Protein backbone atom coordinates (compact mmCIF):
# COMPACT_ATOMS: atom_id res chain seq x y z
CA MET A 1 18.29 16.54 141.24
CA ARG A 2 15.29 16.39 138.89
CA LEU A 3 16.79 19.14 136.76
CA LYS A 4 20.04 17.20 136.35
CA ARG A 5 18.11 14.08 135.38
CA SER A 6 16.14 16.07 132.79
CA HIS A 7 19.36 17.32 131.27
CA SER A 8 20.76 13.78 131.12
CA CYS A 9 17.52 12.53 129.52
CA ILE A 10 17.54 15.30 126.90
CA THR A 11 21.17 14.58 126.05
CA TRP A 12 20.46 10.84 125.74
CA ILE A 13 17.45 11.50 123.44
CA ASP A 14 19.48 13.82 121.21
CA GLN A 15 22.37 11.39 120.89
CA ASN A 16 20.55 8.05 120.62
CA LEU A 17 17.25 8.71 118.89
CA LYS A 18 18.35 11.21 116.29
CA PRO A 19 19.57 8.65 113.73
CA SER A 20 16.14 6.92 113.66
CA TYR A 21 13.76 9.87 114.16
CA ALA A 22 15.55 12.85 112.62
CA GLU A 23 12.90 13.23 109.89
CA CYS A 24 9.90 13.01 112.23
CA ASP A 25 8.10 16.30 112.87
CA ILE A 26 7.87 15.76 116.61
CA PHE A 27 11.62 15.10 116.81
CA LYS A 28 12.31 18.24 114.79
CA THR A 29 10.27 20.13 117.39
CA PHE A 30 12.37 18.55 120.13
CA GLU A 31 15.58 19.55 118.32
CA ARG A 32 14.32 23.11 117.94
CA VAL A 33 13.51 23.37 121.67
CA TYR A 34 16.86 21.81 122.52
CA ALA A 35 18.75 24.36 120.39
CA GLU A 36 16.72 27.38 121.54
CA GLN A 37 16.59 26.77 125.31
CA PHE A 38 19.64 24.67 126.16
CA VAL A 39 23.37 25.10 125.87
CA VAL A 40 26.30 22.70 126.36
CA VAL A 41 28.91 23.99 128.79
CA GLN A 42 31.94 21.82 129.49
CA GLU A 43 30.09 18.73 128.21
CA LYS A 44 27.10 19.46 130.46
CA VAL A 45 23.68 20.53 129.21
CA GLU A 46 22.41 23.70 130.92
CA ILE A 47 19.29 25.79 130.53
CA LYS A 48 19.89 29.15 128.89
CA PRO A 49 19.08 32.25 130.95
CA PRO A 50 15.79 33.90 129.88
CA GLU A 51 17.52 36.86 128.17
CA GLN A 52 19.30 34.45 125.80
CA ILE A 53 16.13 32.68 124.65
CA PRO A 54 14.76 34.31 121.48
CA SER A 55 11.19 35.61 121.38
CA SER A 56 10.62 33.34 118.36
CA SER A 57 11.32 30.22 120.40
CA VAL A 58 8.73 27.46 120.74
CA GLN A 59 5.93 28.65 123.02
CA SER A 60 3.86 25.47 122.70
CA PRO A 61 4.28 22.16 120.86
CA ASP A 62 0.68 22.60 119.68
CA ASP A 63 1.44 25.89 117.96
CA LEU A 64 4.92 26.15 116.45
CA ASP A 65 4.01 29.51 114.79
CA ALA A 66 3.40 31.22 118.14
CA THR A 67 5.99 33.76 119.32
CA TYR A 68 6.47 35.80 122.51
CA ARG A 69 6.21 39.55 123.09
CA ASN A 70 6.18 41.76 126.15
CA LYS A 71 4.18 44.87 125.28
CA ASP A 72 3.73 47.51 127.95
CA GLY A 73 4.29 44.91 130.64
CA LYS A 74 1.78 42.46 129.14
CA GLU A 75 3.06 39.06 128.06
CA ILE A 76 1.66 37.99 124.69
CA ARG A 77 2.09 34.56 123.08
CA GLY A 78 0.72 33.65 119.67
CA GLN A 79 -0.24 35.70 116.60
CA SER A 80 -1.02 39.36 116.01
CA ILE A 81 -4.04 40.48 113.95
CA ASN A 82 -3.81 43.90 112.32
CA VAL A 83 -6.88 45.55 110.78
CA VAL A 84 -7.28 48.55 108.49
CA GLU A 85 -10.66 50.12 107.70
CA THR A 86 -11.99 53.22 105.91
CA THR A 87 -13.09 55.99 108.26
CA HIS A 88 -14.16 58.99 106.25
CA PRO A 89 -16.58 61.12 108.33
CA GLU A 90 -18.92 61.59 105.37
CA ASN A 91 -19.06 57.93 104.36
CA PRO A 92 -22.43 56.26 105.06
CA LEU A 93 -20.48 52.98 105.02
CA ASN A 94 -16.98 52.23 106.20
CA LEU A 95 -15.51 48.79 105.64
CA ILE A 96 -12.51 46.73 106.67
CA THR A 97 -10.18 46.81 103.67
CA ASP A 98 -7.13 44.93 104.94
CA VAL A 99 -6.40 42.16 107.44
CA SER A 100 -2.99 40.66 108.18
CA VAL A 101 -1.85 38.04 110.62
CA ASN A 102 1.73 38.15 111.84
CA PRO A 103 3.92 36.69 114.59
CA ALA A 104 3.28 38.40 117.93
CA ASN A 105 6.92 39.46 118.17
CA LYS A 106 6.85 41.39 114.87
CA ASP A 107 7.15 45.14 115.31
CA ASP A 108 3.95 47.01 114.38
CA SER A 109 5.90 49.49 112.23
CA LYS A 110 7.27 46.65 110.10
CA VAL A 111 3.79 45.17 109.72
CA LEU A 112 2.54 48.53 108.37
CA HIS A 113 5.59 48.93 106.08
CA GLU A 114 4.81 45.59 104.42
CA ARG A 115 1.11 46.51 103.95
CA LEU A 116 1.43 50.07 102.67
CA ASP A 117 1.81 49.19 98.95
CA THR A 118 -1.21 46.85 99.19
CA LEU A 119 -3.27 49.48 101.02
CA LYS A 120 -2.57 52.09 98.33
CA LYS A 121 -3.42 49.57 95.60
CA LYS A 122 -6.76 48.76 97.27
CA THR A 123 -7.63 52.39 98.02
CA PRO A 124 -5.83 54.59 95.41
CA GLU A 125 -7.46 57.74 96.82
CA LEU A 126 -5.99 57.18 100.26
CA GLU A 127 -5.09 60.64 101.59
CA GLU A 128 -4.62 60.08 105.29
CA LEU A 129 -3.59 57.04 107.29
CA HIS A 130 -4.29 57.19 111.05
CA PHE A 131 -2.36 54.96 113.47
CA ASP A 132 -0.95 54.96 116.98
CA GLY A 133 2.66 55.50 117.97
CA ALA A 134 3.75 51.90 117.57
CA TYR A 135 3.27 52.00 113.77
CA GLY A 136 5.37 55.08 113.01
CA SER A 137 8.88 54.79 111.55
CA SER A 138 11.22 56.56 109.17
CA ASP A 139 10.74 53.85 106.52
CA ASN A 140 6.96 54.25 106.72
CA ASP A 141 7.29 58.05 106.45
CA GLN A 142 9.23 57.71 103.22
CA LYS A 143 6.83 55.18 101.73
CA CYS A 144 3.80 57.31 102.65
CA GLU A 145 5.52 60.26 100.94
CA GLN A 146 6.01 58.17 97.76
CA HIS A 147 2.31 57.25 97.78
CA GLY A 148 1.14 60.82 98.50
CA THR A 149 -0.46 59.71 101.78
CA THR A 150 -0.30 61.79 104.94
CA PRO A 151 0.54 59.69 108.03
CA VAL A 152 -1.31 60.80 111.14
CA GLN A 153 0.08 59.47 114.39
CA THR A 154 -2.26 59.71 117.34
CA ALA A 155 0.41 59.15 120.02
CA VAL A 156 4.20 59.69 120.24
CA ARG A 157 6.40 56.64 120.77
CA GLY A 158 9.02 57.22 123.43
CA PRO A 159 9.56 60.22 125.73
CA LYS A 160 8.16 63.62 124.83
CA PRO A 161 10.90 66.13 123.86
CA ASP A 162 11.59 68.98 126.27
CA VAL A 163 11.64 71.57 123.50
CA GLU A 164 8.92 71.49 120.88
CA MET A 165 10.31 72.08 117.35
CA SER A 166 8.24 72.47 114.20
CA MET A 167 9.11 72.56 110.49
CA LYS A 168 7.57 73.47 107.14
CA LYS A 169 9.09 72.55 103.82
CA ILE A 170 9.75 75.62 101.62
CA SER A 171 11.57 73.81 98.81
CA ASP A 172 13.79 70.77 98.32
CA LYS A 173 16.69 72.76 99.79
CA ALA A 174 15.04 74.93 102.41
CA TYR A 175 12.84 74.42 105.48
CA SER A 176 11.27 76.85 107.89
CA VAL A 177 12.34 75.73 111.38
CA SER A 178 10.66 77.08 114.54
CA CYS A 179 11.33 76.75 118.25
CA PRO A 180 9.25 78.39 121.00
CA GLN A 181 11.28 81.64 120.65
CA GLN A 182 12.13 82.15 116.94
CA THR A 183 11.80 80.95 113.35
CA VAL A 184 14.68 80.63 110.88
CA THR A 185 15.17 79.28 107.35
CA SER A 186 17.54 76.31 106.95
CA ALA A 187 20.41 76.02 104.47
CA PRO A 188 21.62 72.78 102.85
CA THR A 189 24.96 71.23 103.81
CA ARG A 190 26.68 68.39 101.97
CA LYS A 191 24.57 65.63 103.56
CA ARG A 192 22.08 67.40 105.85
CA HIS A 193 20.27 70.68 106.46
CA LYS A 194 21.35 73.36 108.92
CA ALA A 195 19.13 75.77 110.86
CA ALA A 196 21.08 78.59 112.64
CA PHE A 197 19.35 80.35 115.56
CA ASP A 198 20.23 83.73 116.99
CA CYS A 199 22.31 83.26 120.15
CA ALA A 200 21.07 86.56 121.64
CA VAL A 201 17.52 85.16 121.62
CA CYS A 202 18.61 81.72 122.81
CA GLU A 203 20.43 83.17 125.86
CA ARG A 204 17.14 84.61 127.14
CA CYS A 205 15.37 81.29 126.72
CA SER A 206 14.70 79.19 129.82
CA LEU A 207 14.81 75.96 127.74
CA GLN A 208 18.39 76.35 126.41
CA SER A 209 19.75 73.64 128.76
CA THR A 210 17.53 71.00 127.13
CA CYS A 211 17.49 72.45 123.63
CA PRO A 212 18.42 70.00 120.85
CA THR A 213 20.51 72.73 119.10
CA ILE A 214 24.30 72.82 119.34
CA LYS A 215 26.08 75.98 120.50
CA ARG A 216 28.59 77.44 118.09
CA LYS A 217 30.62 80.66 118.13
CA LYS A 218 28.09 82.80 116.28
CA ASN A 219 24.80 80.94 116.83
CA ARG A 220 23.03 77.75 117.97
CA VAL A 221 22.66 75.18 115.19
CA LEU A 222 20.26 72.33 114.54
CA TYR A 223 21.37 69.76 111.95
CA PHE A 224 18.59 67.55 110.52
CA THR A 225 17.72 65.38 107.55
CA HIS A 226 14.62 65.11 105.39
CA GLU A 227 13.74 61.92 107.31
CA TYR A 228 13.76 63.93 110.56
CA PHE A 229 11.40 66.47 108.93
CA LEU A 230 9.03 63.67 107.89
CA ALA A 231 9.03 62.16 111.41
CA LEU A 232 8.37 65.54 113.04
CA THR A 233 5.55 66.26 110.56
CA ARG A 234 3.97 62.86 111.34
CA GLN A 235 4.13 63.39 115.08
CA LYS A 236 2.63 66.87 114.91
CA GLY A 237 0.28 66.28 111.99
CA ILE A 238 -2.72 65.54 114.19
CA ASN A 239 -2.62 69.06 115.64
CA SER A 240 -3.26 70.58 112.21
CA LEU A 241 -6.45 68.55 111.62
CA PRO A 242 -10.00 69.77 112.40
CA GLU A 243 -11.29 68.55 115.75
CA GLU A 244 -13.69 66.09 114.14
CA ARG A 245 -10.82 64.28 112.36
CA ARG A 246 -8.48 63.96 115.33
CA LYS A 247 -10.24 60.96 116.86
CA LEU A 248 -10.93 58.94 113.72
CA ARG A 249 -8.59 56.14 114.88
CA SER A 250 -10.91 55.46 117.83
CA ASN A 251 -13.30 53.78 115.38
CA VAL A 252 -10.86 51.00 114.66
CA GLU A 253 -10.53 50.26 118.38
CA ALA A 254 -14.26 49.41 118.36
CA THR A 255 -13.66 47.20 115.31
CA VAL A 256 -10.85 45.38 117.12
CA GLN A 257 -13.27 44.68 119.98
CA GLU A 258 -15.52 42.88 117.48
CA PHE A 259 -12.63 40.47 116.91
CA VAL A 260 -11.73 40.23 120.63
CA CYS A 261 -15.30 39.44 121.73
CA LYS A 262 -15.07 36.24 119.68
CA ILE A 263 -11.91 35.18 121.55
CA PRO A 264 -12.83 34.06 125.09
CA HIS A 265 -10.10 35.12 127.55
CA ARG A 266 -8.16 36.40 124.49
CA LYS A 267 -7.26 32.82 123.49
CA LEU A 268 -8.18 31.41 120.10
CA LYS A 269 -9.80 27.99 119.99
CA VAL A 270 -7.48 27.06 117.11
CA ARG A 271 -3.69 26.90 116.77
CA GLY A 272 -1.23 27.93 114.08
CA ALA A 273 -0.82 30.91 111.79
CA PHE A 274 -3.04 29.37 109.07
CA LYS A 275 -6.08 28.80 111.28
CA ALA A 276 -5.58 32.18 112.92
CA SER A 277 -5.66 33.74 109.43
CA ILE A 278 -8.89 31.93 108.56
CA PHE A 279 -10.41 33.20 111.78
CA ALA A 280 -9.28 36.81 111.11
CA PHE A 281 -10.51 36.86 107.45
CA SER A 282 -13.80 35.24 108.37
CA VAL A 283 -14.57 37.70 111.16
CA ALA A 284 -13.64 40.62 108.90
CA LEU A 285 -16.02 39.36 106.23
CA GLY A 286 -18.78 38.93 108.82
CA ILE A 287 -18.27 42.48 110.12
CA ASN A 288 -18.40 43.91 106.59
CA PHE A 289 -21.55 41.96 105.72
CA GLY A 290 -23.14 43.22 108.93
CA ARG A 291 -22.37 46.85 108.12
CA ILE A 292 -23.67 46.49 104.56
CA TYR A 293 -26.88 44.82 105.78
CA ARG A 294 -27.56 47.52 108.39
CA LEU A 295 -27.05 50.30 105.80
CA ILE A 296 -29.42 48.62 103.34
CA GLN A 297 -32.00 48.31 106.09
CA ILE A 298 -31.77 52.06 106.75
CA ASP A 299 -31.44 53.17 103.13
CA PRO A 300 -32.52 50.57 100.54
CA SER A 301 -31.69 52.95 97.69
CA SER A 302 -27.96 52.65 98.55
CA VAL A 303 -27.75 49.08 97.22
CA LYS A 304 -26.60 49.98 93.74
CA ALA A 305 -24.21 52.64 94.91
CA ILE A 306 -22.27 50.30 97.21
CA SER A 307 -22.59 46.97 95.36
CA LEU A 308 -19.50 47.31 93.15
CA TYR A 309 -17.25 48.57 95.93
CA CYS A 310 -18.44 45.99 98.42
CA ALA A 311 -18.13 43.18 95.86
CA GLN A 312 -14.49 44.19 95.28
CA ILE A 313 -13.65 44.20 99.00
CA VAL A 314 -15.38 40.84 99.63
CA LYS A 315 -13.71 39.37 96.52
CA GLU A 316 -10.23 40.40 97.76
CA GLN A 317 -10.77 38.96 101.24
CA SER A 318 -12.21 35.77 99.84
CA GLN A 319 -9.21 35.38 97.56
CA MET A 320 -6.92 35.72 100.55
CA ILE A 321 -8.66 32.82 102.23
CA ARG A 322 -8.51 30.68 99.07
CA ARG A 323 -4.83 31.42 98.55
CA VAL A 324 -3.97 30.43 102.13
CA ILE A 325 -6.05 27.26 101.92
CA GLY A 326 -4.59 26.34 98.55
CA PHE A 327 -1.00 26.89 99.76
CA CYS A 328 -1.53 24.82 102.90
CA HIS A 329 -3.16 21.91 101.07
CA LYS A 330 -0.41 22.03 98.45
CA LYS A 331 2.19 21.70 101.21
CA ALA A 332 0.09 19.05 103.00
CA ILE A 333 0.27 21.03 106.21
CA ILE A 334 -3.25 20.29 107.38
CA PRO A 335 -4.81 17.42 105.45
CA GLY A 336 -8.48 16.81 106.25
CA LEU A 337 -9.08 20.20 107.86
CA ARG A 338 -12.71 20.87 108.70
CA PHE A 339 -14.42 24.13 109.63
CA ASN A 340 -17.34 24.60 111.95
CA PHE A 341 -19.09 27.96 111.42
CA ARG A 342 -21.36 29.19 114.20
């Protein structure tokens, strides 16, 4: 009964108050919730089933930028902070070089794709980029190739293949393709590449029932593209690294904890993408200053060597904050905003 009354009330509000309050922000929020979570069926307002409600729907009237995401069985509502830092084993000082705040429902691979050009611009000598399985994608492989950066994926997204294949590029038209039993050289076709394996060897293989190759009259064939080669290289790249470089990504997990420890119960004390961005940039600056200070305490002679580099990083992050603040004040999103730094 209460649900029916709620539906009637919502319909009445939409029909009778819209002419007078259509331009009010709070009524626009009501209209958004009404469109996202309700549907009219035979002149009756009904609640949409959960699977029809988009992840970008209103999660809270206090934070219209918040989105929903279910990641590994964990429900997340709000914003996502992504951090990139240098992690060269020989560096006496590694700093956070990039911070981005995105909707929680934005795929990690898309976040990385949007940041790759900026990362290369900030660190032109970037040779390797370490990330977990969620950030890998074909688009990112191609962009890394353009920038001359080797993507290193520390975990594979999705199920592990039954048959391990490996490839090496010989030329633009030829690849060396290996399975657990044999190695062949591919030949180009009109749109793809073709690797033909000896059927006599394949017949003795215990993995032929799950092999990704296709059986033909004369041999077993694997068709693939350059994008497939890049993805396979990314997934297996970590195995070719020295042992001391295989766990470099673990360092950024510790950095993320420096952000998390300032968020009690993993809930920010502020709302909205803008304030979340200010929080993220401010924490990153604080972490960088802390690392610089500790290095100077240990080795005072390093001040001159790191001053220019550190100044550039701090300048870039400060400019991010100023740009966001300037944009929001220009749009009159948050007039009279005050900050309390502790």
